């Protein structure tokens, strides 16, 4: 993991001190709310529906045990005993009191954390593949690149007031697990024909009211040219992005309205005229950053574990977990273990303070003191010996974190919705809870197979509904919550946007509609190996449209 140097420490401490003064002036009335708003947003503090919300950055999702324990302490002392993991690999506290926020920032600084640039029209938290550094298929660990971008973008004077927020994601593997195609900039690390490592650069992806899949602007960018090329993209956007209409201010709109080829031409022209040596990263600094991400000293273990195999045979509940929540590790005898934060009937992504402390203990003992927050709101223990998986599972059972549903229909992404967010037009959490309860049976989940449901409580799409295999968008219609369902979205390697299935339906009708959509899929798939998304792409939407209409009571009784 990266460790702060004196510059990081100074920046974070000074920012916390500045914000303490700003909060004191807001409380005593020296600052109006209008004057205070941009200041608090620059420090990750939102004013939500019922209270302030503090969004804490977890750069590229990587945490150690000390940091997670501190987050648990903050949840206990300054919130209501829990935190919420987000789709940007961050954590949010939904109930802090304004006067306490400076103390929270000081507590974060004590463990090399902060809330800088988790809001506002700036470059937000840089995200990455949550299996970075351990995935056998990756060309290179994307975290050193993400850390380089974090350092370059933090308090960057030219890009502190962009037309709108700006999000960057990095993956180091051909199988995109970082959703780079729905980011303002997506970077894929790859090798060219000569064997050199560089980046495929995508620009203009995003969701919200006008969703787009990003366009490739460079098939191969040499590694040394990364920061200069990013500056060229940001400079074109900063100069030409819309500032008269916030709904059309994202770079995706600029790319769309300018045209991909013309946008590329403008970026290349800007890059050609820039003084490259002044913006290229110092090779010594790149090497310093990369050294922090050197692989740990794994034990030399056989590729298989007799103890692990025996435990799977002996315990059906453990077998369910092992079959679902483990990811192949590049080191023999190890696995990356995903802890689902989606227990049946509970808000997706929430973790209690006690669960945070228990996860910290588990990671410290069995995962080389490291965790990853995923963009699907789960937690990964990236370095678990196969011999230890059963012990980890047993500890997760004690913490209530053993749900065996990773990648399945109850592993739902959901934004906070109208329960917390003042922008929301409908609730997300109750819909997610109801769907997970409807499909609670583990055997049924496995019969259905991989299926991503994503739920947003408004058009801003914080729940990524556009790229859900089944997407659910909650809106207000005539004073009533109304939910539109889309099918066919995919955030990964074959990224696509879902298509609307039909007219919106009431919230109470959503679980039944999802069940009928799933039953239609099971009847249409060519075999148990055909995933839901492939069936939708093969047959189209028409066979699924009747699922939006609930059967008449007589018909429902007949089917019961």
Protein backbone atom coordinates (compact mmCIF):
# COMPACT_ATOMS: atom_id res chain seq x y z
CA UNK A 1 0.00 0.00 0.00
CA UNK A 2 1.03 3.60 -0.53
CA UNK A 3 2.29 5.48 2.52
CA UNK A 4 2.10 9.24 2.93
CA UNK A 5 5.26 11.26 2.54
CA UNK A 6 5.78 14.67 4.16
CA UNK A 7 3.94 16.43 1.32
CA UNK A 8 0.85 14.23 1.65
CA UNK A 9 0.84 14.71 5.42
CA UNK A 10 1.19 18.49 5.13
CA UNK A 11 -1.57 18.85 2.53
CA UNK A 12 -4.06 16.81 4.54
CA UNK A 13 -3.28 18.49 7.89
CA UNK A 14 -3.40 21.99 6.42
CA UNK A 15 -6.68 21.31 4.64
CA UNK A 16 -8.24 19.99 7.86
CA UNK A 17 -7.08 23.11 9.74
CA UNK A 18 -8.47 25.39 7.03
CA UNK A 19 -11.83 23.69 7.16
CA UNK A 20 -11.96 23.92 10.96
CA UNK A 21 -11.71 27.70 10.63
CA UNK A 22 -14.36 27.74 7.89
CA UNK A 23 -16.77 25.66 10.01
CA UNK A 24 -16.29 27.97 13.00
CA UNK A 25 -17.10 30.97 10.80
CA UNK A 26 -20.19 29.23 9.41
CA UNK A 27 -21.44 28.44 12.92
CA UNK A 28 -20.88 31.98 14.21
CA UNK A 29 -22.58 33.43 11.13
CA UNK A 30 -19.50 35.02 9.56
CA UNK A 31 -20.09 32.83 6.50
CA UNK A 32 -23.51 32.44 4.90
CA UNK A 33 -24.63 29.02 3.67
CA UNK A 34 -24.15 30.27 0.11
CA UNK A 35 -20.55 31.24 0.87
CA UNK A 36 -19.92 28.05 2.84
CA UNK A 37 -21.31 25.61 0.26
CA UNK A 38 -18.34 25.55 -2.14
CA UNK A 39 -15.95 25.33 0.81
CA UNK A 40 -17.67 22.33 2.38
CA UNK A 41 -18.03 20.59 -0.97
CA UNK A 42 -14.28 20.86 -1.53
CA UNK A 43 -13.96 18.89 1.71
CA UNK A 44 -16.49 16.19 0.87
CA UNK A 45 -19.33 17.55 3.01
CA UNK A 46 -22.84 17.48 1.55
CA UNK A 47 -26.09 18.76 3.00
CA UNK A 48 -28.47 15.86 2.49
CA UNK A 49 -32.17 15.39 3.12
CA UNK A 50 -31.98 15.10 6.90
CA UNK A 51 -28.40 15.93 7.87
CA UNK A 52 -24.91 16.52 6.57
CA UNK A 53 -23.14 13.65 4.82
CA UNK A 54 -19.35 13.28 4.78
CA UNK A 55 -17.78 11.34 1.92
CA UNK A 56 -14.35 9.95 2.76
CA UNK A 57 -11.90 9.10 -0.01
CA UNK A 58 -10.52 5.59 -0.26
CA UNK A 59 -8.07 6.01 -3.18
CA UNK A 60 -8.38 3.08 -5.60
CA UNK A 61 -10.31 1.32 -2.83
CA UNK A 62 -7.31 0.21 -0.75
CA UNK A 63 -7.51 0.18 3.06
CA UNK A 64 -5.49 -1.27 5.91
CA UNK A 65 -6.81 -2.49 9.24
CA UNK A 66 -5.80 0.61 11.17
CA UNK A 67 -7.74 2.79 8.75
CA UNK A 68 -10.90 0.66 8.86
CA UNK A 69 -10.80 0.57 12.65
CA UNK A 70 -10.63 4.36 12.65
CA UNK A 71 -13.62 4.52 10.32
CA UNK A 72 -15.46 2.31 12.79
CA UNK A 73 -14.55 4.68 15.62
CA UNK A 74 -15.83 7.64 13.60
CA UNK A 75 -19.08 5.77 12.92
CA UNK A 76 -19.55 5.13 16.64
CA UNK A 77 -18.50 8.54 17.91
CA UNK A 78 -19.86 10.91 15.28
CA UNK A 79 -22.50 8.99 13.30
CA UNK A 80 -25.17 6.42 14.12
CA UNK A 81 -22.89 3.42 14.30
CA UNK A 82 -22.45 2.59 10.63
CA UNK A 83 -20.99 3.74 7.32
CA UNK A 84 -21.96 3.21 3.69
CA UNK A 85 -19.57 1.94 1.00
CA UNK A 86 -20.15 3.64 -2.36
CA UNK A 87 -19.71 2.92 -6.05
CA UNK A 88 -16.59 5.15 -6.12
CA UNK A 89 -14.83 2.92 -3.60
CA UNK A 90 -15.44 5.55 -0.91
CA UNK A 91 -17.24 5.44 2.43
CA UNK A 92 -19.97 7.86 3.49
CA UNK A 93 -21.18 8.90 6.93
CA UNK A 94 -24.79 10.03 6.78
CA UNK A 95 -25.33 11.75 10.13
CA UNK A 96 -22.35 13.91 11.21
CA UNK A 97 -23.02 17.19 13.02
CA UNK A 98 -21.32 20.18 11.39
CA UNK A 99 -19.31 21.18 14.48
CA UNK A 100 -17.81 17.67 14.65
CA UNK A 101 -16.61 17.44 11.06
CA UNK A 102 -13.21 19.10 11.71
CA UNK A 103 -12.55 16.53 14.45
CA UNK A 104 -13.49 13.76 12.01
CA UNK A 105 -11.04 15.16 9.45
CA UNK A 106 -8.31 15.17 12.10
CA UNK A 107 -9.09 11.55 12.94
CA UNK A 108 -8.86 10.68 9.25
CA UNK A 109 -5.53 12.48 8.93
CA UNK A 110 -4.20 10.39 11.82
CA UNK A 111 -4.52 7.29 9.60
CA UNK A 112 -3.54 8.85 6.23
CA UNK A 113 -7.09 9.49 5.04
CA UNK A 114 -9.09 12.56 4.02
CA UNK A 115 -12.21 13.82 2.25
CA UNK A 116 -10.46 16.13 -0.24
CA UNK A 117 -12.04 16.23 -3.72
CA UNK A 118 -14.76 13.72 -2.93
CA UNK A 119 -17.19 16.38 -4.10
CA UNK A 120 -17.19 19.52 -6.22
CA UNK A 121 -16.36 20.19 -9.86
CA UNK A 122 -12.91 18.67 -9.71
CA UNK A 123 -11.12 15.38 -10.36
CA UNK A 124 -12.73 12.95 -7.91
CA UNK A 125 -11.37 9.85 -6.20
CA UNK A 126 -9.50 7.70 -8.74
CA UNK A 127 -10.84 4.14 -8.82
CA UNK A 128 -9.27 0.87 -9.96
CA UNK A 129 -9.83 -2.86 -10.32
CA UNK A 130 -10.47 -4.20 -6.81
CA UNK A 131 -8.38 -7.28 -7.65
CA UNK A 132 -5.41 -5.11 -8.63
CA UNK A 133 -2.06 -6.72 -7.90
CA UNK A 134 -3.47 -10.21 -7.36
CA UNK A 135 -5.35 -10.99 -10.60
CA UNK A 136 -3.50 -13.45 -12.81
CA UNK A 137 -4.80 -11.81 -16.00
CA UNK A 138 -3.48 -8.29 -15.39
CA UNK A 139 -0.70 -6.78 -17.51
CA UNK A 140 0.33 -4.51 -14.65
CA UNK A 141 -1.00 -3.46 -11.26
CA UNK A 142 -3.11 -0.34 -11.95
CA UNK A 143 -2.71 1.12 -8.45
CA UNK A 144 0.64 2.88 -9.06
CA UNK A 145 -0.99 4.64 -12.02
CA UNK A 146 -4.02 5.54 -9.89
CA UNK A 147 -1.76 6.88 -7.12
CA UNK A 148 0.24 8.94 -9.62
CA UNK A 149 -3.02 10.47 -10.89
CA UNK A 150 -4.15 11.11 -7.31
CA UNK A 151 -0.99 13.05 -6.54
CA UNK A 152 -1.10 14.98 -9.80
CA UNK A 153 -4.79 15.88 -9.47
CA UNK A 154 -4.93 16.76 -5.76
CA UNK A 155 -5.47 20.53 -5.47
CA UNK A 156 -4.38 20.96 -9.10
CA UNK A 157 -4.88 24.72 -9.56
CA UNK A 158 -5.96 24.55 -13.19
CA UNK A 159 -8.58 21.85 -12.66
CA UNK A 160 -10.08 22.83 -9.30
CA UNK A 161 -13.18 24.44 -10.90
CA UNK A 162 -14.07 22.34 -13.92
CA UNK A 163 -17.45 22.66 -15.68
CA UNK A 164 -18.59 19.56 -13.71
CA UNK A 165 -17.22 16.70 -11.64
CA UNK A 166 -14.65 14.47 -13.33
CA UNK A 167 -14.07 10.77 -12.70
CA UNK A 168 -11.14 8.56 -13.73
CA UNK A 169 -10.85 4.75 -13.49
CA UNK A 170 -7.91 2.46 -14.25
CA UNK A 171 -7.72 -1.25 -15.01
CA UNK A 172 -4.63 -3.35 -15.61
CA UNK A 173 -6.38 -6.34 -17.17
CA UNK A 174 -8.14 -7.19 -20.44
CA UNK A 175 -11.20 -8.17 -18.39
CA UNK A 176 -12.44 -4.77 -17.23
CA UNK A 177 -13.47 -4.95 -13.59
CA UNK A 178 -13.26 -1.16 -13.05
CA UNK A 179 -16.07 -0.05 -15.41
CA UNK A 180 -13.70 2.25 -17.32
CA UNK A 181 -16.16 2.73 -20.21
CA UNK A 182 -18.61 4.68 -18.04
CA UNK A 183 -16.06 7.17 -16.71
CA UNK A 184 -15.02 10.61 -17.92
CA UNK A 185 -11.60 9.07 -18.53
CA UNK A 186 -10.96 5.33 -18.53
CA UNK A 187 -7.47 3.88 -18.73
CA UNK A 188 -6.63 0.30 -19.67
CA UNK A 189 -3.04 -0.81 -19.21
CA UNK A 190 -1.85 -2.98 -22.11
CA UNK A 191 1.16 -3.98 -24.20
CA UNK A 192 1.67 -2.97 -27.81
CA UNK A 193 3.09 -5.22 -30.50
CA UNK A 194 6.62 -4.29 -29.46
CA UNK A 195 5.91 -5.43 -25.91
CA UNK A 196 5.93 -1.92 -24.42
CA UNK A 197 3.43 -1.12 -21.66
CA UNK A 198 1.13 1.83 -22.13
CA UNK A 199 -2.52 2.87 -21.96
CA UNK A 200 -5.64 2.65 -24.03
CA UNK A 201 -7.37 5.96 -23.30
CA UNK A 202 -11.16 6.32 -23.28
CA UNK A 203 -12.99 9.62 -22.82
CA UNK A 204 -16.63 10.64 -22.48
CA UNK A 205 -18.31 7.82 -20.64
CA UNK A 206 -20.86 8.42 -17.93
CA UNK A 207 -24.37 7.87 -16.73
CA UNK A 208 -26.93 10.35 -15.37
CA UNK A 209 -29.71 11.83 -17.46
CA UNK A 210 -27.68 11.44 -20.70
CA UNK A 211 -25.67 8.20 -20.53
CA UNK A 212 -22.81 7.41 -22.91
CA UNK A 213 -20.23 4.67 -23.37
CA UNK A 214 -16.76 6.24 -23.59
CA UNK A 215 -14.93 6.61 -26.90
CA UNK A 216 -11.35 5.50 -27.47
CA UNK A 217 -9.17 8.56 -28.12
CA UNK A 218 -5.79 6.77 -28.08
CA UNK A 219 -5.30 3.08 -28.74
CA UNK A 220 -1.83 3.20 -27.19
CA UNK A 221 -0.30 5.95 -25.10
CA UNK A 222 3.27 5.37 -23.82
CA UNK A 223 3.42 5.25 -20.03
CA UNK A 224 5.74 8.23 -19.72
CA UNK A 225 3.25 10.46 -21.56
CA UNK A 226 0.27 9.82 -19.27
CA UNK A 227 0.11 13.03 -17.24
CA UNK A 228 0.78 15.26 -20.21
CA UNK A 229 -1.99 13.60 -22.19
CA UNK A 230 -4.41 13.80 -19.27
CA UNK A 231 -3.65 17.51 -18.97
CA UNK A 232 -4.42 17.97 -22.66
CA UNK A 233 -7.80 16.26 -22.27
CA UNK A 234 -8.66 18.24 -19.13
CA UNK A 235 -7.54 21.50 -20.69
CA UNK A 236 -9.75 21.03 -23.76
CA UNK A 237 -12.66 20.15 -21.50
CA UNK A 238 -12.01 23.04 -19.13
CA UNK A 239 -11.93 25.54 -21.98
CA UNK A 240 -14.79 24.18 -24.08
CA UNK A 241 -17.11 22.33 -21.68
CA UNK A 242 -20.56 23.84 -21.13
CA UNK A 243 -20.88 26.13 -18.10
CA UNK A 244 -24.29 27.54 -18.92
CA UNK A 245 -26.18 24.31 -18.18
CA UNK A 246 -25.00 21.88 -15.52
CA UNK A 247 -27.01 19.09 -17.13
CA UNK A 248 -24.88 19.42 -20.27
CA UNK A 249 -21.57 20.23 -18.61
CA UNK A 250 -19.93 16.78 -18.41
CA UNK A 251 -17.15 15.90 -20.85
CA UNK A 252 -19.38 13.20 -22.35
CA UNK A 253 -21.60 15.96 -23.76
CA UNK A 254 -18.60 17.81 -25.19
CA UNK A 255 -17.37 14.63 -26.91
CA UNK A 256 -20.84 13.89 -28.25
CA UNK A 257 -21.59 17.41 -29.51
CA UNK A 258 -18.09 17.98 -30.92
CA UNK A 259 -17.83 14.54 -32.46
CA UNK A 260 -15.26 11.95 -31.49
CA UNK A 261 -12.82 12.65 -34.34
CA UNK A 262 -12.90 16.41 -33.82
CA UNK A 263 -12.50 16.02 -30.06
CA UNK A 264 -9.48 13.78 -30.62
CA UNK A 265 -8.01 16.35 -33.01
CA UNK A 266 -8.38 19.11 -30.41
CA UNK A 267 -6.79 17.00 -27.69
CA UNK A 268 -3.90 16.00 -29.94
CA UNK A 269 -3.35 19.61 -30.95
CA UNK A 270 -3.32 20.70 -27.31
CA UNK A 271 -0.95 17.88 -26.44
CA UNK A 272 1.38 18.71 -29.32
CA UNK A 273 1.79 22.30 -28.19
CA UNK A 274 2.26 21.55 -24.49
CA UNK A 275 5.77 21.64 -22.97
CA UNK A 276 6.02 17.91 -22.35
CA UNK A 277 8.99 17.81 -19.96
CA UNK A 278 7.19 20.10 -17.53
CA UNK A 279 4.17 17.80 -17.17
CA UNK A 280 5.72 14.36 -17.47
CA UNK A 281 6.14 12.54 -14.19
CA UNK A 282 9.65 12.32 -12.80
CA UNK A 283 10.80 8.70 -13.37
CA UNK A 284 12.24 8.66 -9.86
CA UNK A 285 8.86 9.62 -8.42
CA UNK A 286 7.13 6.97 -10.53
CA UNK A 287 9.59 4.38 -9.22
CA UNK A 288 9.08 5.58 -5.63
CA UNK A 289 5.31 5.18 -5.93
CA UNK A 290 5.55 1.79 -7.64
CA UNK A 291 7.82 0.45 -4.88
CA UNK A 292 4.99 0.76 -2.38
CA UNK A 293 2.91 -1.64 -4.45
CA UNK A 294 5.54 -4.37 -4.79
CA UNK A 295 3.91 -7.78 -4.25
CA UNK A 296 4.05 -8.98 -0.66
CA UNK A 297 6.28 -11.91 0.25
CA UNK A 298 3.82 -14.73 -0.20
CA UNK A 299 4.52 -18.09 1.37
CA UNK A 300 5.54 -20.82 -1.05
CA UNK A 301 2.45 -22.98 -1.03
CA UNK A 302 1.02 -25.75 -3.21
CA UNK A 303 -1.65 -24.63 -5.64
CA UNK A 304 -4.31 -26.66 -3.86
CA UNK A 305 -5.19 -27.10 -0.19
CA UNK A 306 -6.32 -30.40 1.30
CA UNK A 307 -7.74 -28.59 4.34
CA UNK A 308 -9.77 -26.27 2.11
CA UNK A 309 -11.10 -29.15 0.01
CA UNK A 310 -12.03 -31.15 3.11
CA UNK A 311 -13.87 -28.19 4.64
CA UNK A 312 -15.88 -27.71 1.47
CA UNK A 313 -16.95 -31.36 1.55
CA UNK A 314 -17.81 -31.33 5.21
CA UNK A 315 -19.92 -28.16 5.40
CA UNK A 316 -22.60 -27.32 2.78
CA UNK A 317 -22.86 -23.70 4.00
CA UNK A 318 -19.12 -23.20 3.58
CA UNK A 319 -19.26 -24.85 0.17
CA UNK A 320 -21.86 -22.29 -0.94
CA UNK A 321 -19.59 -19.46 0.19
CA UNK A 322 -16.45 -20.95 -1.38
CA UNK A 323 -18.19 -21.52 -4.70
CA UNK A 324 -19.32 -17.90 -4.93
CA UNK A 325 -17.13 -15.46 -3.00
CA UNK A 326 -13.60 -16.46 -4.07
CA UNK A 327 -11.49 -15.11 -6.96
CA UNK A 328 -8.41 -16.84 -8.44
CA UNK A 329 -5.11 -15.44 -7.12
CA UNK A 330 -1.87 -15.23 -9.08
CA UNK A 331 0.09 -16.67 -6.13
CA UNK A 332 -0.27 -20.46 -5.67
CA UNK A 333 -2.15 -21.41 -2.53
CA UNK A 334 -3.89 -18.04 -2.15
CA UNK A 335 -7.27 -16.60 -3.06
CA UNK A 336 -8.91 -13.16 -3.10
CA UNK A 337 -12.01 -13.39 -0.93
CA UNK A 338 -14.97 -11.06 -1.41
CA UNK A 339 -17.03 -10.16 1.64
CA UNK A 340 -20.56 -9.40 0.52
CA UNK A 341 -22.02 -6.26 2.10
CA UNK A 342 -25.43 -7.33 0.76
CA UNK A 343 -27.08 -9.45 3.46
CA UNK A 344 -30.61 -10.50 2.53
CA UNK A 345 -33.15 -7.81 3.40
CA UNK A 346 -30.60 -5.15 4.43
CA UNK A 347 -29.37 -1.91 2.79
CA UNK A 348 -26.65 -2.71 0.23
CA UNK A 349 -23.20 -1.43 1.13
CA UNK A 350 -23.80 -0.62 4.80
CA UNK A 351 -21.35 -1.76 7.48
CA UNK A 352 -21.78 -1.31 11.20
CA UNK A 353 -18.93 0.00 13.33
CA UNK A 354 -18.59 -3.45 14.90
CA UNK A 355 -18.43 -5.09 11.46
CA UNK A 356 -15.72 -2.63 10.41
CA UNK A 357 -13.66 -3.57 13.46
CA UNK A 358 -14.21 -7.28 12.87
CA UNK A 359 -13.21 -6.92 9.19
CA UNK A 360 -10.09 -5.04 10.29
CA UNK A 361 -9.19 -7.88 12.66
CA UNK A 362 -9.80 -10.50 9.95
CA UNK A 363 -7.67 -8.62 7.40
CA UNK A 364 -4.88 -8.10 9.88
CA UNK A 365 -4.77 -11.78 10.77
CA UNK A 366 -5.49 -13.46 7.45
CA UNK A 367 -5.07 -10.96 4.54
CA UNK A 368 -1.68 -9.33 5.13
CA UNK A 369 -3.42 -6.32 6.69
CA UNK A 370 -5.11 -5.21 3.47
CA UNK A 371 -8.64 -4.76 2.11
CA UNK A 372 -10.23 -3.33 -1.03
CA UNK A 373 -13.55 -1.52 -1.36
CA UNK A 374 -15.19 -2.48 -4.64
CA UNK A 375 -17.27 -0.30 -6.94
CA UNK A 376 -20.11 -2.77 -6.38
CA UNK A 377 -20.12 -1.90 -2.65
CA UNK A 378 -18.42 -5.03 -1.31
CA UNK A 379 -15.08 -5.59 0.46
CA UNK A 380 -12.23 -7.77 -0.82
CA UNK A 381 -9.62 -9.53 1.31
CA UNK A 382 -6.96 -9.83 -1.40
CA UNK A 383 -4.36 -12.14 0.20
CA UNK A 384 -6.01 -15.12 1.93
CA UNK A 385 -4.30 -18.51 2.05
CA UNK A 386 -6.56 -21.33 0.88
CA UNK A 387 -5.70 -23.08 4.15
CA UNK A 388 -7.26 -20.14 6.03
CA UNK A 389 -10.47 -19.63 4.05
CA UNK A 390 -12.59 -21.70 6.43
CA UNK A 391 -11.27 -19.77 9.45
CA UNK A 392 -12.03 -16.48 7.68
CA UNK A 393 -15.52 -17.68 6.82
CA UNK A 394 -16.14 -18.70 10.43
CA UNK A 395 -15.11 -15.22 11.59
CA UNK A 396 -17.39 -13.68 8.97
CA UNK A 397 -20.28 -15.82 10.21
CA UNK A 398 -19.78 -14.38 13.70
CA UNK A 399 -19.85 -10.87 12.21
CA UNK A 400 -22.95 -11.51 10.07
CA UNK A 401 -20.93 -11.04 6.88
CA UNK A 402 -20.99 -14.53 5.38
CA UNK A 403 -23.65 -13.97 2.66
CA UNK A 404 -22.71 -16.23 -0.32
CA UNK A 405 -24.10 -14.11 -3.15
CA UNK A 406 -21.24 -12.30 -4.93
CA UNK A 407 -22.23 -11.65 -8.55
CA UNK A 408 -25.69 -13.16 -8.07
CA UNK A 409 -29.13 -11.59 -8.19
CA UNK A 410 -29.09 -10.39 -4.55
CA UNK A 411 -25.66 -8.72 -4.90
CA UNK A 412 -27.49 -5.49 -5.70
CA UNK A 413 -26.01 -2.02 -6.17
CA UNK A 414 -28.27 0.69 -4.76
CA UNK A 415 -27.81 4.38 -4.04
CA UNK A 416 -29.13 5.79 -0.73
CA UNK A 417 -32.18 7.13 -2.55
CA UNK A 418 -34.87 9.24 -0.94
CA UNK A 419 -34.16 7.81 2.52
CA UNK A 420 -31.13 10.14 2.65
CA UNK A 421 -30.48 12.09 -0.56
CA UNK A 422 -32.18 15.42 -1.21
CA UNK A 423 -31.77 14.94 -4.97
CA UNK A 424 -33.59 11.60 -5.01
CA UNK A 425 -37.10 11.31 -6.37
CA UNK A 426 -37.76 7.78 -5.12
CA UNK A 427 -36.49 5.25 -2.63
CA UNK A 428 -33.82 2.70 -3.58
CA UNK A 429 -33.05 0.84 -0.37
CA UNK A 430 -36.54 -0.65 0.24
CA UNK A 431 -36.67 -1.85 -3.37
CA UNK A 432 -33.27 -3.55 -3.01
CA UNK A 433 -34.33 -5.14 0.28
CA UNK A 434 -37.59 -6.45 -1.18
CA UNK A 435 -35.88 -7.96 -4.24
CA UNK A 436 -33.20 -9.66 -2.15
CA UNK A 437 -35.89 -11.15 0.10
CA UNK A 438 -37.81 -12.37 -2.95
CA UNK A 439 -34.70 -14.22 -4.18
CA UNK A 440 -33.27 -15.18 -0.78
CA UNK A 441 -33.01 -18.91 -1.48
CA UNK A 442 -29.31 -19.65 -2.25
CA UNK A 443 -30.21 -22.57 -4.51
CA UNK A 444 -32.47 -20.38 -6.59
CA UNK A 445 -29.81 -17.69 -6.88
CA UNK A 446 -27.38 -20.26 -8.26
CA UNK A 447 -29.96 -21.63 -10.66
CA UNK A 448 -30.37 -18.09 -12.07
CA UNK A 449 -26.60 -17.53 -12.26
CA UNK A 450 -24.71 -14.23 -12.69
CA UNK A 451 -27.12 -11.30 -12.84
CA UNK A 452 -26.40 -7.71 -11.84
CA UNK A 453 -29.30 -5.58 -10.57
CA UNK A 454 -28.55 -1.88 -10.08
CA UNK A 455 -30.97 0.66 -8.58
CA UNK A 456 -30.94 4.47 -8.66
CA UNK A 457 -33.34 6.76 -6.83
CA UNK A 458 -33.09 9.55 -9.41
CA UNK A 459 -31.86 10.38 -12.88
CA UNK A 460 -28.33 11.11 -11.58
CA UNK A 461 -27.73 7.33 -11.67
CA UNK A 462 -25.56 6.97 -8.56
CA UNK A 463 -26.75 3.35 -8.46
CA UNK A 464 -25.41 2.73 -12.01
CA UNK A 465 -28.80 1.51 -13.24
CA UNK A 466 -27.87 2.27 -16.87
CA UNK A 467 -25.31 -0.55 -16.85
CA UNK A 468 -27.31 -3.08 -14.86
CA UNK A 469 -28.27 -6.29 -16.58
CA UNK A 470 -31.50 -5.29 -14.89
CA UNK A 471 -31.57 -1.57 -14.13
CA UNK A 472 -34.18 0.12 -11.95
CA UNK A 473 -34.68 3.89 -11.98
CA UNK A 474 -36.94 5.49 -9.40
CA UNK A 475 -38.73 8.69 -10.39
CA UNK A 476 -41.63 10.78 -9.11
CA UNK A 477 -44.76 10.70 -11.24
CA UNK A 478 -47.86 12.56 -10.13
CA UNK A 479 -46.68 12.58 -6.54
CA UNK A 480 -46.09 8.82 -6.53
CA UNK A 481 -42.84 6.87 -6.75
CA UNK A 482 -42.59 5.26 -10.16
CA UNK A 483 -39.91 2.82 -11.33
CA UNK A 484 -38.61 2.30 -14.86
CA UNK A 485 -36.88 -1.01 -15.66
CA UNK A 486 -34.11 -1.40 -18.23
CA UNK A 487 -32.48 -4.58 -19.51
CA UNK A 488 -29.16 -5.31 -21.19
CA UNK A 489 -26.70 -3.02 -19.41
CA UNK A 490 -23.12 -4.10 -18.81
CA UNK A 491 -20.34 -2.09 -17.08
CA UNK A 492 -17.36 -4.25 -18.02
CA UNK A 493 -15.43 -5.42 -21.05
CA UNK A 494 -18.44 -5.45 -23.40
CA UNK A 495 -19.94 -2.29 -21.92
CA UNK A 496 -23.46 -1.41 -22.96
CA UNK A 497 -26.37 0.72 -21.78
CA UNK A 498 -29.64 -0.93 -20.86
CA UNK A 499 -32.81 -0.29 -22.84
CA UNK A 500 -36.09 0.68 -21.24
CA UNK A 501 -38.52 -2.21 -21.10
CA UNK A 502 -41.73 -0.21 -20.96
CA UNK A 503 -43.78 2.17 -18.85
CA UNK A 504 -42.86 2.72 -15.22
CA UNK A 505 -44.53 0.72 -12.44
CA UNK A 506 -45.30 1.27 -8.76
CA UNK A 507 -42.69 0.33 -6.18
CA UNK A 508 -44.82 -2.50 -4.76
CA UNK A 509 -44.93 -4.06 -8.21
CA UNK A 510 -41.16 -4.09 -8.78
CA UNK A 511 -40.23 -7.39 -7.03
CA UNK A 512 -42.96 -9.27 -8.90
CA UNK A 513 -41.89 -7.76 -12.22
CA UNK A 514 -38.27 -8.76 -11.57
CA UNK A 515 -39.42 -12.29 -10.74
CA UNK A 516 -41.35 -12.53 -14.02
CA UNK A 517 -38.37 -11.17 -15.96
CA UNK A 518 -36.18 -13.84 -14.38
CA UNK A 519 -38.69 -16.59 -15.13
CA UNK A 520 -38.80 -15.43 -18.75
CA UNK A 521 -35.03 -15.63 -18.89
CA UNK A 522 -34.98 -19.15 -17.42
CA UNK A 523 -37.46 -20.27 -20.08
CA UNK A 524 -35.52 -18.62 -22.92
CA UNK A 525 -31.88 -19.36 -22.15
CA UNK A 526 -30.20 -21.96 -24.35
CA UNK A 527 -28.75 -23.73 -21.33
CA UNK A 528 -27.63 -23.11 -17.78
CA UNK A 529 -24.36 -21.71 -19.14
CA UNK A 530 -26.02 -18.78 -20.95
CA UNK A 531 -25.97 -15.73 -18.65
CA UNK A 532 -28.93 -13.37 -18.44
CA UNK A 533 -27.15 -10.60 -20.35
CA UNK A 534 -26.37 -12.95 -23.27
CA UNK A 535 -29.97 -14.10 -23.47
CA UNK A 536 -31.23 -10.51 -23.57
CA UNK A 537 -28.77 -9.64 -26.32
CA UNK A 538 -29.80 -12.71 -28.30
CA UNK A 539 -33.59 -12.45 -28.09
CA UNK A 540 -34.11 -8.70 -27.54
CA UNK A 541 -36.58 -6.98 -25.22
CA UNK A 542 -39.92 -8.06 -26.69
CA UNK A 543 -40.18 -11.43 -24.87
CA UNK A 544 -39.64 -9.66 -21.54
CA UNK A 545 -42.15 -6.83 -21.96
CA UNK A 546 -45.18 -8.78 -20.65
CA UNK A 547 -43.33 -9.20 -17.36
CA UNK A 548 -44.12 -5.58 -16.47
CA UNK A 549 -47.81 -6.40 -16.31
CA UNK A 550 -48.93 -8.26 -13.21
CA UNK A 551 -51.27 -11.19 -13.94
CA UNK A 552 -54.93 -10.82 -12.98
CA UNK A 553 -55.78 -12.26 -9.54
CA UNK A 554 -57.51 -15.31 -11.06
CA UNK A 555 -54.48 -16.03 -13.23
CA UNK A 556 -52.15 -15.51 -10.31
CA UNK A 557 -54.16 -17.98 -8.22
CA UNK A 558 -54.00 -20.51 -11.01
CA UNK A 559 -50.24 -20.17 -11.22
CA UNK A 560 -49.75 -20.49 -7.45
